[in-house]
C-alpha atoms as a PDB file:
ATOM      1  CA  MET A   1       8.031  10.717 -12.073  1.00  0.00           C
ATOM      2  CA  PRO A   2       5.506   7.851 -12.546  1.00  0.00           C
ATOM      3  CA  LYS A   3       6.755   4.648 -14.081  1.00  0.00           C
ATOM      4  CA  PRO A   4       5.658   4.071 -17.722  1.00  0.00           C
ATOM      5  CA  MET A   5       2.780   1.587 -17.895  1.00  0.00           C
ATOM      6  CA  GLU A   6       4.643  -0.426 -20.551  1.00  0.00           C
ATOM      7  CA  ASN A   7       6.959  -1.511 -17.731  1.00  0.00           C
ATOM      8  CA  PRO A   8       4.745  -2.065 -14.707  1.00  0.00           C
ATOM      9  CA  ASP A   9       6.097  -3.423 -11.443  1.00  0.00           C
ATOM     10  CA  ILE A  10       3.181  -5.875 -11.187  1.00  0.00           C
ATOM     11  CA  ARG A  11       1.176  -7.426 -14.011  1.00  0.00           C
ATOM     12  CA  VAL A  12      -2.354  -8.559 -13.177  1.00  0.00           C
ATOM     13  CA  GLU A  13      -3.681 -11.664 -14.944  1.00  0.00           C
ATOM     14  CA  ASP A  14      -7.392 -12.128 -14.204  1.00  0.00           C
ATOM     15  CA  TYR A  15      -8.790 -15.612 -14.880  1.00  0.00           C
ATOM     16  CA  GLY A  16     -12.149 -15.078 -13.205  1.00  0.00           C
ATOM     17  CA  SER A  17     -11.996 -17.181 -10.056  1.00  0.00           C
ATOM     18  CA  ILE A  18      -8.255 -16.677  -9.643  1.00  0.00           C
ATOM     19  CA  VAL A  19      -5.985 -13.696 -10.192  1.00  0.00           C
ATOM     20  CA  LEU A  20      -2.240 -13.891 -10.718  1.00  0.00           C
ATOM     21  CA  LEU A  21      -0.153 -10.953  -9.558  1.00  0.00           C
ATOM     22  CA  ARG A  22       3.125 -11.258 -11.418  1.00  0.00           C
ATOM     23  CA  PRO A  23       5.966  -9.101 -10.026  1.00  0.00           C
ATOM     24  CA  THR A  24       8.279  -7.956 -12.813  1.00  0.00           C
ATOM     25  CA  ASP A  25      11.099  -6.546 -10.728  1.00  0.00           C
ATOM     26  CA  ALA A  26      12.784  -6.820  -7.352  1.00  0.00           C
ATOM     27  CA  ALA A  27      10.859  -3.872  -5.902  1.00  0.00           C
ATOM     28  CA  ALA A  28       7.535  -5.589  -6.584  1.00  0.00           C
ATOM     29  CA  ARG A  29       8.729  -8.948  -5.205  1.00  0.00           C
ATOM     30  CA  GLU A  30       9.959  -7.212  -2.064  1.00  0.00           C
ATOM     31  CA  TRP A  31       6.721  -5.234  -1.707  1.00  0.00           C
ATOM     32  CA  LEU A  32       4.619  -8.418  -1.976  1.00  0.00           C
ATOM     33  CA  ALA A  33       6.831 -10.179   0.582  1.00  0.00           C
ATOM     34  CA  ASP A  34       6.556  -7.248   2.997  1.00  0.00           C
ATOM     35  CA  HIS A  35       2.814  -6.628   2.634  1.00  0.00           C
ATOM     36  CA  CYS A  36       1.224 -10.033   1.999  1.00  0.00           C
ATOM     37  CA  VAL A  37       1.113 -13.244   3.976  1.00  0.00           C
ATOM     38  CA  VAL A  38       2.405 -15.539   1.272  1.00  0.00           C
ATOM     39  CA  GLU A  39       2.792 -19.294   1.617  1.00  0.00           C
ATOM     40  CA  SER A  40       4.974 -21.295  -0.758  1.00  0.00           C
ATOM     41  CA  TRP A  41       1.856 -22.840  -2.321  1.00  0.00           C
ATOM     42  CA  SER A  42       0.515 -19.347  -3.127  1.00  0.00           C
ATOM     43  CA  TRP A  43       3.055 -18.950  -5.920  1.00  0.00           C
ATOM     44  CA  PHE A  44       2.162 -20.229  -9.380  1.00  0.00           C
ATOM     45  CA  GLY A  45       4.735 -19.851 -12.136  1.00  0.00           C
ATOM     46  CA  GLY A  46       6.388 -16.846 -10.514  1.00  0.00           C
ATOM     47  CA  ALA A  47       3.094 -15.111  -9.742  1.00  0.00           C
ATOM     48  CA  LEU A  48       1.130 -14.740  -6.530  1.00  0.00           C
ATOM     49  CA  ALA A  49      -2.214 -16.544  -6.955  1.00  0.00           C
ATOM     50  CA  CYS A  50      -5.168 -15.089  -5.046  1.00  0.00           C
ATOM     51  CA  GLU A  51      -8.911 -14.517  -5.102  1.00  0.00           C
ATOM     52  CA  PRO A  52     -10.198 -11.459  -6.998  1.00  0.00           C
ATOM     53  CA  ARG A  53     -11.314  -9.627  -3.832  1.00  0.00           C
ATOM     54  CA  THR A  54      -7.878 -10.141  -2.274  1.00  0.00           C
ATOM     55  CA  ALA A  55      -6.137  -9.094  -5.476  1.00  0.00           C
ATOM     56  CA  ALA A  56      -8.068  -5.818  -5.565  1.00  0.00           C
ATOM     57  CA  ALA A  57      -6.916  -4.903  -2.058  1.00  0.00           C
ATOM     58  CA  ILE A  58      -3.309  -5.823  -2.865  1.00  0.00           C
ATOM     59  CA  VAL A  59      -3.376  -3.758  -6.065  1.00  0.00           C
ATOM     60  CA  ARG A  60      -4.788  -0.725  -4.214  1.00  0.00           C
ATOM     61  CA  GLY A  61      -2.006  -0.995  -1.638  1.00  0.00           C
ATOM     62  CA  ALA A  62       0.719  -1.399  -4.236  1.00  0.00           C
ATOM     63  CA  VAL A  63      -0.495   1.606  -6.212  1.00  0.00           C
ATOM     64  CA  ALA A  64      -0.791   3.680  -3.027  1.00  0.00           C
ATOM     65  CA  ASP A  65       2.849   2.848  -2.304  1.00  0.00           C
ATOM     66  CA  GLY A  66       3.957   4.001  -5.770  1.00  0.00           C
ATOM     67  CA  LEU A  67       4.175   0.746  -7.712  1.00  0.00           C
ATOM     68  CA  ALA A  68       2.907   0.640 -11.291  1.00  0.00           C
ATOM     69  CA  VAL A  69       0.295  -2.060 -11.876  1.00  0.00           C
ATOM     70  CA  ARG A  70      -1.134  -3.112 -15.239  1.00  0.00           C
ATOM     71  CA  SER A  71      -3.754  -5.643 -16.313  1.00  0.00           C
END
C-alpha cells in the first residue's frame, strides 16, 4: 500500500538555485546515505542541499524505490 502523501519520507523544498531534500524518517535517511555521495557540508538544517538537476534525479530514484516524496 502506498504511503499517504501527508506523511512523505522526503520533503522537497525548492528555493530556485538550491533544493533541500529533507528526510522525515529513518528509511529516507538510510536511502539517501546508501544512494548519494553526501559530504558533511552537504547537509543544511537536517536536509540534503543540492542543485535542482541533481535533486530531480535523486527524487526519481527514491520514488522508484518506493519512498513517498512531496514538495
